[in-house]
């Protein structure tokens, strides 16, 4: 929906929500939150529970560390532009779903679009693949401090992929007059109803191609952005504002979707940790 064709209802929305002050790519990236600290902590800690026995003891011993540092990667973009672009990808700038014009091979994408455009539109799926290699190297070199830290950061990037607002240029609802929707869902809604979410992660497994797996996970979650936008608008209209009634209606509408996405994040975080360990040659892990 264009700015010029917004309805009276949308104009009402704009009065209720703070206006976006800038749309520069790095400013946009630095304000992305969506899944908040609580969601990332839960994802990282519960991923430990799903791990195969071969590595579960090590990760269990570091469960508290992983939870406490699950949001560290988000603290950097405020001052580091290179880090900012690693948290999102604007798929909708590459045509129509499933975006066949965007190569999943980074070198080919670089040849096709150039580094400036790739960075401007975000590099999240590629960076998940790259960061998986960092974890693999940390395992291979028996650098257990690096394994802990890299595992926490990789978990954050993987969790970002399950959030549709990290996958679209309408990352904050600003293009549809729904400013702040990322925080309303990722923190406002999640933090209120976290204890009621039915989390059923699938089995952790080996990923043959970590980068391609990141792309497939991202494409699966991109399609939920429109559902979130519609649910947000319905709840606001019915509740007459962003109040308790709004959040209750929003949860009733998309609570099951969020449960599925968080479950996917848990499963995939575990799978990336496990795959890095396997690719490193399955080194013996310390007890802590």
C-alpha atoms as a PDB file:
ATOM      1  CA  UNK A   1       0.000   0.000   0.000  1.00  0.00           C
ATOM      2  CA  UNK A   2       1.506   3.336  -1.016  1.00  0.00           C
ATOM      3  CA  UNK A   3       1.704   6.374   1.209  1.00  0.00           C
ATOM      4  CA  UNK A   4      -0.780   8.226  -0.977  1.00  0.00           C
ATOM      5  CA  UNK A   5      -3.414   5.485  -0.811  1.00  0.00           C
ATOM      6  CA  UNK A   6      -3.534   4.998   2.941  1.00  0.00           C
ATOM      7  CA  UNK A   7      -7.003   4.846   4.372  1.00  0.00           C
ATOM      8  CA  UNK A   8      -8.489   6.940   7.177  1.00  0.00           C
ATOM      9  CA  UNK A   9      -7.904   3.985   9.489  1.00  0.00           C
ATOM     10  CA  UNK A  10      -4.219   3.977   8.633  1.00  0.00           C
ATOM     11  CA  UNK A  11      -4.005   7.706   9.305  1.00  0.00           C
ATOM     12  CA  UNK A  12      -5.391   6.938  12.756  1.00  0.00           C
ATOM     13  CA  UNK A  13      -2.608   4.402  13.187  1.00  0.00           C
ATOM     14  CA  UNK A  14       0.036   6.963  12.359  1.00  0.00           C
ATOM     15  CA  UNK A  15      -1.217   9.193  15.161  1.00  0.00           C
ATOM     16  CA  UNK A  16      -1.049   6.310  17.616  1.00  0.00           C
ATOM     17  CA  UNK A  17       2.479   5.196  16.775  1.00  0.00           C
ATOM     18  CA  UNK A  18       5.810   7.060  16.777  1.00  0.00           C
ATOM     19  CA  UNK A  19       6.935   8.254  13.369  1.00  0.00           C
ATOM     20  CA  UNK A  20      10.087   6.822  11.852  1.00  0.00           C
ATOM     21  CA  UNK A  21      12.746   9.508  11.821  1.00  0.00           C
ATOM     22  CA  UNK A  22      15.026   7.969   9.242  1.00  0.00           C
ATOM     23  CA  UNK A  23      15.243   5.181   6.705  1.00  0.00           C
ATOM     24  CA  UNK A  24      18.978   4.931   6.135  1.00  0.00           C
ATOM     25  CA  UNK A  25      19.926   1.297   5.943  1.00  0.00           C
ATOM     26  CA  UNK A  26      22.261   1.352   8.905  1.00  0.00           C
ATOM     27  CA  UNK A  27      19.833   3.304  11.048  1.00  0.00           C
ATOM     28  CA  UNK A  28      17.187   0.784  10.121  1.00  0.00           C
ATOM     29  CA  UNK A  29      19.414  -2.133  10.989  1.00  0.00           C
ATOM     30  CA  UNK A  30      20.401  -0.657  14.330  1.00  0.00           C
ATOM     31  CA  UNK A  31      16.777  -0.312  15.413  1.00  0.00           C
ATOM     32  CA  UNK A  32      15.764  -3.868  14.537  1.00  0.00           C
ATOM     33  CA  UNK A  33      14.741  -5.787  17.622  1.00  0.00           C
ATOM     34  CA  UNK A  34      11.749  -8.068  17.023  1.00  0.00           C
ATOM     35  CA  UNK A  35      12.742 -11.108  19.108  1.00  0.00           C
ATOM     36  CA  UNK A  36      13.904  -9.375  22.256  1.00  0.00           C
ATOM     37  CA  UNK A  37      16.375 -10.414  24.961  1.00  0.00           C
ATOM     38  CA  UNK A  38      13.918 -12.805  26.627  1.00  0.00           C
ATOM     39  CA  UNK A  39      13.140 -14.623  23.388  1.00  0.00           C
ATOM     40  CA  UNK A  40      16.812 -14.996  22.469  1.00  0.00           C
ATOM     41  CA  UNK A  41      17.654 -16.265  25.949  1.00  0.00           C
ATOM     42  CA  UNK A  42      14.889 -18.868  25.820  1.00  0.00           C
ATOM     43  CA  UNK A  43      15.927 -20.001  22.341  1.00  0.00           C
ATOM     44  CA  UNK A  44      19.579 -20.433  23.320  1.00  0.00           C
ATOM     45  CA  UNK A  45      18.871 -22.195  26.606  1.00  0.00           C
ATOM     46  CA  UNK A  46      16.238 -24.559  25.237  1.00  0.00           C
ATOM     47  CA  UNK A  47      18.459 -25.435  22.272  1.00  0.00           C
ATOM     48  CA  UNK A  48      20.808 -27.032  24.798  1.00  0.00           C
ATOM     49  CA  UNK A  49      18.048 -29.424  25.852  1.00  0.00           C
ATOM     50  CA  UNK A  50      17.630 -30.710  22.296  1.00  0.00           C
ATOM     51  CA  UNK A  51      21.280 -31.523  21.600  1.00  0.00           C
ATOM     52  CA  UNK A  52      22.591 -35.039  20.928  1.00  0.00           C
ATOM     53  CA  UNK A  53      24.283 -36.683  23.889  1.00  0.00           C
ATOM     54  CA  UNK A  54      27.774 -36.310  22.361  1.00  0.00           C
ATOM     55  CA  UNK A  55      27.839 -32.551  22.924  1.00  0.00           C
ATOM     56  CA  UNK A  56      25.011 -31.978  25.363  1.00  0.00           C
ATOM     57  CA  UNK A  57      27.153 -32.187  28.519  1.00  0.00           C
ATOM     58  CA  UNK A  58      29.460 -29.381  27.363  1.00  0.00           C
ATOM     59  CA  UNK A  59      26.596 -27.126  26.348  1.00  0.00           C
ATOM     60  CA  UNK A  60      24.623 -27.932  29.490  1.00  0.00           C
ATOM     61  CA  UNK A  61      27.578 -26.817  31.588  1.00  0.00           C
ATOM     62  CA  UNK A  62      27.545 -23.527  29.669  1.00  0.00           C
ATOM     63  CA  UNK A  63      23.789 -23.076  29.540  1.00  0.00           C
ATOM     64  CA  UNK A  64      23.801 -20.004  31.782  1.00  0.00           C
ATOM     65  CA  UNK A  65      26.573 -18.381  29.757  1.00  0.00           C
ATOM     66  CA  UNK A  66      24.733 -18.981  26.494  1.00  0.00           C
ATOM     67  CA  UNK A  67      21.552 -17.461  27.872  1.00  0.00           C
ATOM     68  CA  UNK A  68      23.294 -14.446  29.360  1.00  0.00           C
ATOM     69  CA  UNK A  69      25.178 -13.707  26.134  1.00  0.00           C
ATOM     70  CA  UNK A  70      22.410 -14.572  23.671  1.00  0.00           C
ATOM     71  CA  UNK A  71      21.753 -10.880  22.992  1.00  0.00           C
ATOM     72  CA  UNK A  72      25.367  -9.667  22.758  1.00  0.00           C
ATOM     73  CA  UNK A  73      25.303  -9.611  18.968  1.00  0.00           C
ATOM     74  CA  UNK A  74      22.459  -7.071  19.045  1.00  0.00           C
ATOM     75  CA  UNK A  75      24.397  -4.648  21.217  1.00  0.00           C
ATOM     76  CA  UNK A  76      27.039  -4.049  18.558  1.00  0.00           C
ATOM     77  CA  UNK A  77      25.038  -2.529  15.629  1.00  0.00           C
ATOM     78  CA  UNK A  78      24.526   0.759  17.461  1.00  0.00           C
ATOM     79  CA  UNK A  79      28.195   1.597  16.842  1.00  0.00           C
ATOM     80  CA  UNK A  80      29.327  -0.885  14.178  1.00  0.00           C
ATOM     81  CA  UNK A  81      27.848  -0.549  10.704  1.00  0.00           C
ATOM     82  CA  UNK A  82      29.486  -3.746   9.465  1.00  0.00           C
ATOM     83  CA  UNK A  83      27.709  -5.699  12.201  1.00  0.00           C
ATOM     84  CA  UNK A  84      24.373  -4.022  11.527  1.00  0.00           C
ATOM     85  CA  UNK A  85      23.881  -5.579   8.081  1.00  0.00           C
ATOM     86  CA  UNK A  86      24.435  -9.083   9.454  1.00  0.00           C
ATOM     87  CA  UNK A  87      21.066  -9.112  11.220  1.00  0.00           C
ATOM     88  CA  UNK A  88      18.673  -8.791   8.288  1.00  0.00           C
ATOM     89  CA  UNK A  89      18.026  -9.328   4.603  1.00  0.00           C
ATOM     90  CA  UNK A  90      15.424  -7.392   2.622  1.00  0.00           C
ATOM     91  CA  UNK A  91      14.211 -10.199   0.373  1.00  0.00           C
ATOM     92  CA  UNK A  92      11.486  -8.064  -1.194  1.00  0.00           C
ATOM     93  CA  UNK A  93      14.110  -5.883  -2.863  1.00  0.00           C
ATOM     94  CA  UNK A  94      14.995  -8.848  -5.085  1.00  0.00           C
ATOM     95  CA  UNK A  95      11.658  -9.322  -6.842  1.00  0.00           C
ATOM     96  CA  UNK A  96       8.865 -11.692  -5.882  1.00  0.00           C
ATOM     97  CA  UNK A  97       8.797 -14.700  -3.580  1.00  0.00           C
ATOM     98  CA  UNK A  98      10.690 -17.049  -3.588  1.00  0.00           C
ATOM     99  CA  UNK A  99      13.135 -14.533  -5.118  1.00  0.00           C
ATOM    100  CA  UNK A 100      14.712 -16.750  -7.799  1.00  0.00           C
ATOM    101  CA  UNK A 101      16.853 -13.845  -9.048  1.00  0.00           C
ATOM    102  CA  UNK A 102      18.873 -13.805  -5.822  1.00  0.00           C
ATOM    103  CA  UNK A 103      21.734 -16.341  -5.909  1.00  0.00           C
ATOM    104  CA  UNK A 104      22.256 -18.177  -2.638  1.00  0.00           C
ATOM    105  CA  UNK A 105      25.950 -18.514  -3.415  1.00  0.00           C
ATOM    106  CA  UNK A 106      27.556 -15.354  -2.034  1.00  0.00           C
ATOM    107  CA  UNK A 107      30.229 -15.002  -4.718  1.00  0.00           C
ATOM    108  CA  UNK A 108      27.609 -15.301  -7.438  1.00  0.00           C
ATOM    109  CA  UNK A 109      25.365 -12.819  -5.654  1.00  0.00           C
ATOM    110  CA  UNK A 110      28.329 -10.471  -5.366  1.00  0.00           C
ATOM    111  CA  UNK A 111      28.978 -10.711  -9.101  1.00  0.00           C
ATOM    112  CA  UNK A 112      25.297 -10.149  -9.831  1.00  0.00           C
ATOM    113  CA  UNK A 113      24.511  -7.214  -7.534  1.00  0.00           C
ATOM    114  CA  UNK A 114      27.782  -5.872  -6.164  1.00  0.00           C
ATOM    115  CA  UNK A 115      28.909  -5.467  -2.596  1.00  0.00           C
ATOM    116  CA  UNK A 116      27.189  -2.142  -1.961  1.00  0.00           C
ATOM    117  CA  UNK A 117      23.713  -3.445  -2.786  1.00  0.00           C
ATOM    118  CA  UNK A 118      24.200  -6.714  -0.913  1.00  0.00           C
ATOM    119  CA  UNK A 119      25.244  -4.872   2.216  1.00  0.00           C
ATOM    120  CA  UNK A 120      22.495  -2.291   1.845  1.00  0.00           C
ATOM    121  CA  UNK A 121      19.912  -5.074   1.634  1.00  0.00           C
ATOM    122  CA  UNK A 122      21.465  -7.194   4.385  1.00  0.00           C
ATOM    123  CA  UNK A 123      23.529 -10.385   4.431  1.00  0.00           C
ATOM    124  CA  UNK A 124      21.946 -12.422   7.249  1.00  0.00           C
ATOM    125  CA  UNK A 125      21.704 -15.904   5.616  1.00  0.00           C
ATOM    126  CA  UNK A 126      25.226 -15.698   4.216  1.00  0.00           C
ATOM    127  CA  UNK A 127      26.586 -14.536   7.537  1.00  0.00           C
ATOM    128  CA  UNK A 128      24.973 -17.458   9.339  1.00  0.00           C
ATOM    129  CA  UNK A 129      26.943 -19.716   7.007  1.00  0.00           C
ATOM    130  CA  UNK A 130      30.136 -17.776   7.646  1.00  0.00           C
ATOM    131  CA  UNK A 131      29.672 -17.717  11.397  1.00  0.00           C
ATOM    132  CA  UNK A 132      29.064 -21.456  11.363  1.00  0.00           C
ATOM    133  CA  UNK A 133      32.567 -21.773   9.876  1.00  0.00           C
ATOM    134  CA  UNK A 134      33.932 -19.709  12.774  1.00  0.00           C
ATOM    135  CA  UNK A 135      32.372 -22.100  15.246  1.00  0.00           C
ATOM    136  CA  UNK A 136      33.744 -25.058  13.303  1.00  0.00           C
ATOM    137  CA  UNK A 137      37.236 -23.584  13.507  1.00  0.00           C
ATOM    138  CA  UNK A 138      36.868 -22.907  17.230  1.00  0.00           C
ATOM    139  CA  UNK A 139      35.941 -26.579  17.778  1.00  0.00           C
ATOM    140  CA  UNK A 140      38.804 -27.705  15.565  1.00  0.00           C
ATOM    141  CA  UNK A 141      41.369 -25.625  17.452  1.00  0.00           C
ATOM    142  CA  UNK A 142      40.003 -26.718  20.856  1.00  0.00           C
ATOM    143  CA  UNK A 143      39.487 -23.084  21.811  1.00  0.00           C
ATOM    144  CA  UNK A 144      36.642 -23.679  24.243  1.00  0.00           C
ATOM    145  CA  UNK A 145      36.260 -20.029  25.221  1.00  0.00           C
ATOM    146  CA  UNK A 146      35.784 -19.200  21.535  1.00  0.00           C
ATOM    147  CA  UNK A 147      33.331 -22.097  21.190  1.00  0.00           C
ATOM    148  CA  UNK A 148      31.181 -20.670  23.984  1.00  0.00           C
ATOM    149  CA  UNK A 149      31.229 -17.130  22.647  1.00  0.00           C
ATOM    150  CA  UNK A 150      30.760 -18.066  19.011  1.00  0.00           C
ATOM    151  CA  UNK A 151      27.921 -20.445  19.888  1.00  0.00           C
ATOM    152  CA  UNK A 152      26.079 -17.618  21.648  1.00  0.00           C
ATOM    153  CA  UNK A 153      26.483 -15.234  18.719  1.00  0.00           C
ATOM    154  CA  UNK A 154      25.598 -17.856  16.114  1.00  0.00           C
ATOM    155  CA  UNK A 155      22.443 -18.683  18.081  1.00  0.00           C
ATOM    156  CA  UNK A 156      21.433 -15.048  17.839  1.00  0.00           C
ATOM    157  CA  UNK A 157      21.853 -14.880  14.063  1.00  0.00           C
ATOM    158  CA  UNK A 158      19.964 -18.139  13.562  1.00  0.00           C
ATOM    159  CA  UNK A 159      17.118 -16.883  15.752  1.00  0.00           C
ATOM    160  CA  UNK A 160      16.972 -13.674  13.695  1.00  0.00           C
ATOM    161  CA  UNK A 161      16.190 -15.764  10.620  1.00  0.00           C
ATOM    162  CA  UNK A 162      12.958 -17.011  12.180  1.00  0.00           C
ATOM    163  CA  UNK A 163      11.668 -13.446  12.602  1.00  0.00           C
ATOM    164  CA  UNK A 164       9.913 -12.221   9.437  1.00  0.00           C
ATOM    165  CA  UNK A 165      10.663  -8.599  10.293  1.00  0.00           C
ATOM    166  CA  UNK A 166      14.359  -9.313   9.784  1.00  0.00           C
ATOM    167  CA  UNK A 167      13.530 -10.482   6.259  1.00  0.00           C
ATOM    168  CA  UNK A 168      11.526  -7.610   4.789  1.00  0.00           C
ATOM    169  CA  UNK A 169      12.125  -3.922   4.157  1.00  0.00           C
ATOM    170  CA  UNK A 170       8.888  -3.289   6.067  1.00  0.00           C
ATOM    171  CA  UNK A 171      10.914  -4.281   9.130  1.00  0.00           C
ATOM    172  CA  UNK A 172       9.108  -1.964  11.529  1.00  0.00           C
ATOM    173  CA  UNK A 173       5.710  -1.764   9.845  1.00  0.00           C
ATOM    174  CA  UNK A 174       6.703   1.706   8.680  1.00  0.00           C
ATOM    175  CA  UNK A 175       5.616   1.033   5.086  1.00  0.00           C
ATOM    176  CA  UNK A 176       2.094   0.060   6.140  1.00  0.00           C
ATOM    177  CA  UNK A 177       1.545   2.644   8.857  1.00  0.00           C
ATOM    178  CA  UNK A 178       2.173   0.142  11.668  1.00  0.00           C
ATOM    179  CA  UNK A 179       5.316   1.560  13.210  1.00  0.00           C
ATOM    180  CA  UNK A 180       6.655  -0.404  16.139  1.00  0.00           C
ATOM    181  CA  UNK A 181       5.095  -3.749  15.215  1.00  0.00           C
ATOM    182  CA  UNK A 182       8.430  -5.528  15.588  1.00  0.00           C
ATOM    183  CA  UNK A 183       8.720  -4.529  19.237  1.00  0.00           C
ATOM    184  CA  UNK A 184       5.033  -5.127  19.922  1.00  0.00           C
ATOM    185  CA  UNK A 185       5.326  -8.728  18.779  1.00  0.00           C
ATOM    186  CA  UNK A 186       8.914  -9.641  19.589  1.00  0.00           C
ATOM    187  CA  UNK A 187       8.941  -8.132  23.067  1.00  0.00           C
ATOM    188  CA  UNK A 188       5.531  -6.803  24.073  1.00  0.00           C
ATOM    189  CA  UNK A 189       3.614  -9.925  23.054  1.00  0.00           C
ATOM    190  CA  UNK A 190       6.355 -12.477  23.599  1.00  0.00           C
ATOM    191  CA  UNK A 191       7.320 -11.281  27.064  1.00  0.00           C
ATOM    192  CA  UNK A 192       3.683 -11.341  28.201  1.00  0.00           C
ATOM    193  CA  UNK A 193       2.881 -14.821  26.906  1.00  0.00           C
ATOM    194  CA  UNK A 194       6.243 -16.636  26.887  1.00  0.00           C
ATOM    195  CA  UNK A 195       5.065 -19.083  29.554  1.00  0.00           C
ATOM    196  CA  UNK A 196       2.007 -20.020  27.487  1.00  0.00           C
ATOM    197  CA  UNK A 197       3.799 -20.819  24.238  1.00  0.00           C
ATOM    198  CA  UNK A 198       3.752 -24.504  23.301  1.00  0.00           C
ATOM    199  CA  UNK A 199       7.316 -25.105  22.169  1.00  0.00           C
ATOM    200  CA  UNK A 200       7.853 -28.345  20.291  1.00  0.00           C
ATOM    201  CA  UNK A 201      11.215 -28.148  18.506  1.00  0.00           C
ATOM    202  CA  UNK A 202      12.008 -30.841  15.984  1.00  0.00           C
ATOM    203  CA  UNK A 203      14.989 -33.128  16.201  1.00  0.00           C
ATOM    204  CA  UNK A 204      18.434 -31.547  15.982  1.00  0.00           C
ATOM    205  CA  UNK A 205      20.320 -32.884  12.990  1.00  0.00           C
ATOM    206  CA  UNK A 206      23.262 -32.433  10.651  1.00  0.00           C
ATOM    207  CA  UNK A 207      23.015 -29.648   8.049  1.00  0.00           C
ATOM    208  CA  UNK A 208      24.649 -30.590   4.746  1.00  0.00           C
ATOM    209  CA  UNK A 209      24.825 -26.976   3.574  1.00  0.00           C
ATOM    210  CA  UNK A 210      24.600 -24.458   6.448  1.00  0.00           C
ATOM    211  CA  UNK A 211      24.257 -21.447   4.152  1.00  0.00           C
ATOM    212  CA  UNK A 212      21.507 -22.996   2.045  1.00  0.00           C
ATOM    213  CA  UNK A 213      19.781 -24.160   5.219  1.00  0.00           C
ATOM    214  CA  UNK A 214      19.797 -20.552   6.401  1.00  0.00           C
ATOM    215  CA  UNK A 215      18.191 -19.415   3.152  1.00  0.00           C
ATOM    216  CA  UNK A 216      15.501 -22.076   3.296  1.00  0.00           C
ATOM    217  CA  UNK A 217      14.685 -21.221   6.907  1.00  0.00           C
ATOM    218  CA  UNK A 218      14.518 -17.535   6.006  1.00  0.00           C
ATOM    219  CA  UNK A 219      12.198 -18.135   3.052  1.00  0.00           C
ATOM    220  CA  UNK A 220       9.889 -20.258   5.210  1.00  0.00           C
ATOM    221  CA  UNK A 221       9.588 -17.450   7.746  1.00  0.00           C
ATOM    222  CA  UNK A 222       9.381 -14.518   5.333  1.00  0.00           C
ATOM    223  CA  UNK A 223       5.813 -15.461   4.400  1.00  0.00           C
ATOM    224  CA  UNK A 224       4.560 -14.808   7.944  1.00  0.00           C
ATOM    225  CA  UNK A 225       5.169 -11.054   7.773  1.00  0.00           C
ATOM    226  CA  UNK A 226       1.786 -10.369   6.154  1.00  0.00           C
ATOM    227  CA  UNK A 227       0.028 -12.508   8.772  1.00  0.00           C
ATOM    228  CA  UNK A 228       1.651 -10.509  11.544  1.00  0.00           C
ATOM    229  CA  UNK A 229       0.713  -7.224   9.917  1.00  0.00           C
ATOM    230  CA  UNK A 230      -2.898  -8.292   9.491  1.00  0.00           C
ATOM    231  CA  UNK A 231      -3.137  -9.609  13.054  1.00  0.00           C
ATOM    232  CA  UNK A 232      -1.656  -6.387  14.394  1.00  0.00           C
ATOM    233  CA  UNK A 233      -4.161  -4.263  12.517  1.00  0.00           C
ATOM    234  CA  UNK A 234      -7.114  -6.437  13.579  1.00  0.00           C
ATOM    235  CA  UNK A 235      -6.113  -6.407  17.240  1.00  0.00           C
ATOM    236  CA  UNK A 236      -5.582  -2.643  17.251  1.00  0.00           C
ATOM    237  CA  UNK A 237      -8.922  -1.990  15.583  1.00  0.00           C
ATOM    238  CA  UNK A 238     -10.813  -4.281  17.959  1.00  0.00           C
ATOM    239  CA  UNK A 239      -9.064  -3.054  21.113  1.00  0.00           C
ATOM    240  CA  UNK A 240      -8.963   0.622  20.183  1.00  0.00           C
ATOM    241  CA  UNK A 241      -5.318   0.932  21.116  1.00  0.00           C
ATOM    242  CA  UNK A 242      -2.197  -0.916  22.206  1.00  0.00           C
ATOM    243  CA  UNK A 243      -3.611  -2.039  25.533  1.00  0.00           C
ATOM    244  CA  UNK A 244      -4.039  -5.353  27.372  1.00  0.00           C
ATOM    245  CA  UNK A 245      -6.995  -6.247  25.169  1.00  0.00           C
ATOM    246  CA  UNK A 246      -4.867  -5.631  22.091  1.00  0.00           C
ATOM    247  CA  UNK A 247      -2.193  -8.075  23.256  1.00  0.00           C
ATOM    248  CA  UNK A 248      -4.747 -10.704  24.201  1.00  0.00           C
ATOM    249  CA  UNK A 249      -6.347 -10.533  20.769  1.00  0.00           C
ATOM    250  CA  UNK A 250      -2.956 -10.564  19.088  1.00  0.00           C
ATOM    251  CA  UNK A 251      -1.901 -13.651  21.025  1.00  0.00           C
ATOM    252  CA  UNK A 252      -5.117 -15.476  20.165  1.00  0.00           C
ATOM    253  CA  UNK A 253      -4.472 -14.745  16.502  1.00  0.00           C
ATOM    254  CA  UNK A 254      -0.767 -15.494  16.084  1.00  0.00           C
ATOM    255  CA  UNK A 255       0.343 -17.188  19.310  1.00  0.00           C
ATOM    256  CA  UNK A 256       0.519 -20.556  17.563  1.00  0.00           C
ATOM    257  CA  UNK A 257       2.646 -19.084  14.771  1.00  0.00           C
ATOM    258  CA  UNK A 258       5.107 -17.608  17.247  1.00  0.00           C
ATOM    259  CA  UNK A 259       5.278 -20.966  19.037  1.00  0.00           C
ATOM    260  CA  UNK A 260       6.167 -22.622  15.752  1.00  0.00           C
ATOM    261  CA  UNK A 261       8.808 -20.032  14.870  1.00  0.00           C
ATOM    262  CA  UNK A 262      10.486 -20.134  18.266  1.00  0.00           C
ATOM    263  CA  UNK A 263      10.448 -23.939  18.102  1.00  0.00           C
ATOM    264  CA  UNK A 264      12.113 -23.747  14.692  1.00  0.00           C
ATOM    265  CA  UNK A 265      14.735 -21.402  16.092  1.00  0.00           C
ATOM    266  CA  UNK A 266      15.499 -23.782  18.962  1.00  0.00           C
ATOM    267  CA  UNK A 267      15.861 -26.757  16.636  1.00  0.00           C
ATOM    268  CA  UNK A 268      18.043 -24.904  14.147  1.00  0.00           C
ATOM    269  CA  UNK A 269      20.327 -23.360  16.758  1.00  0.00           C
ATOM    270  CA  UNK A 270      21.010 -26.856  18.033  1.00  0.00           C
ATOM    271  CA  UNK A 271      21.536 -28.133  14.498  1.00  0.00           C
ATOM    272  CA  UNK A 272      24.096 -25.435  13.697  1.00  0.00           C
ATOM    273  CA  UNK A 273      26.023 -26.143  16.907  1.00  0.00           C
ATOM    274  CA  UNK A 274      25.965 -29.870  16.213  1.00  0.00           C
ATOM    275  CA  UNK A 275      26.955 -29.480  12.547  1.00  0.00           C
ATOM    276  CA  UNK A 276      29.960 -27.310  13.439  1.00  0.00           C
ATOM    277  CA  UNK A 277      31.139 -29.951  15.909  1.00  0.00           C
ATOM    278  CA  UNK A 278      30.749 -32.743  13.359  1.00  0.00           C
ATOM    279  CA  UNK A 279      32.538 -30.758  10.636  1.00  0.00           C
ATOM    280  CA  UNK A 280      35.376 -30.081  13.053  1.00  0.00           C
ATOM    281  CA  UNK A 281      35.956 -33.816  13.358  1.00  0.00           C
ATOM    282  CA  UNK A 282      33.923 -34.450  16.523  1.00  0.00           C
ATOM    283  CA  UNK A 283      36.611 -33.349  18.986  1.00  0.00           C
ATOM    284  CA  UNK A 284      36.341 -34.535  22.590  1.00  0.00           C
ATOM    285  CA  UNK A 285      34.720 -31.785  24.618  1.00  0.00           C
ATOM    286  CA  UNK A 286      35.657 -30.712  28.149  1.00  0.00           C
ATOM    287  CA  UNK A 287      33.182 -31.203  30.968  1.00  0.00           C
ATOM    288  CA  UNK A 288      32.656 -27.449  31.209  1.00  0.00           C
END
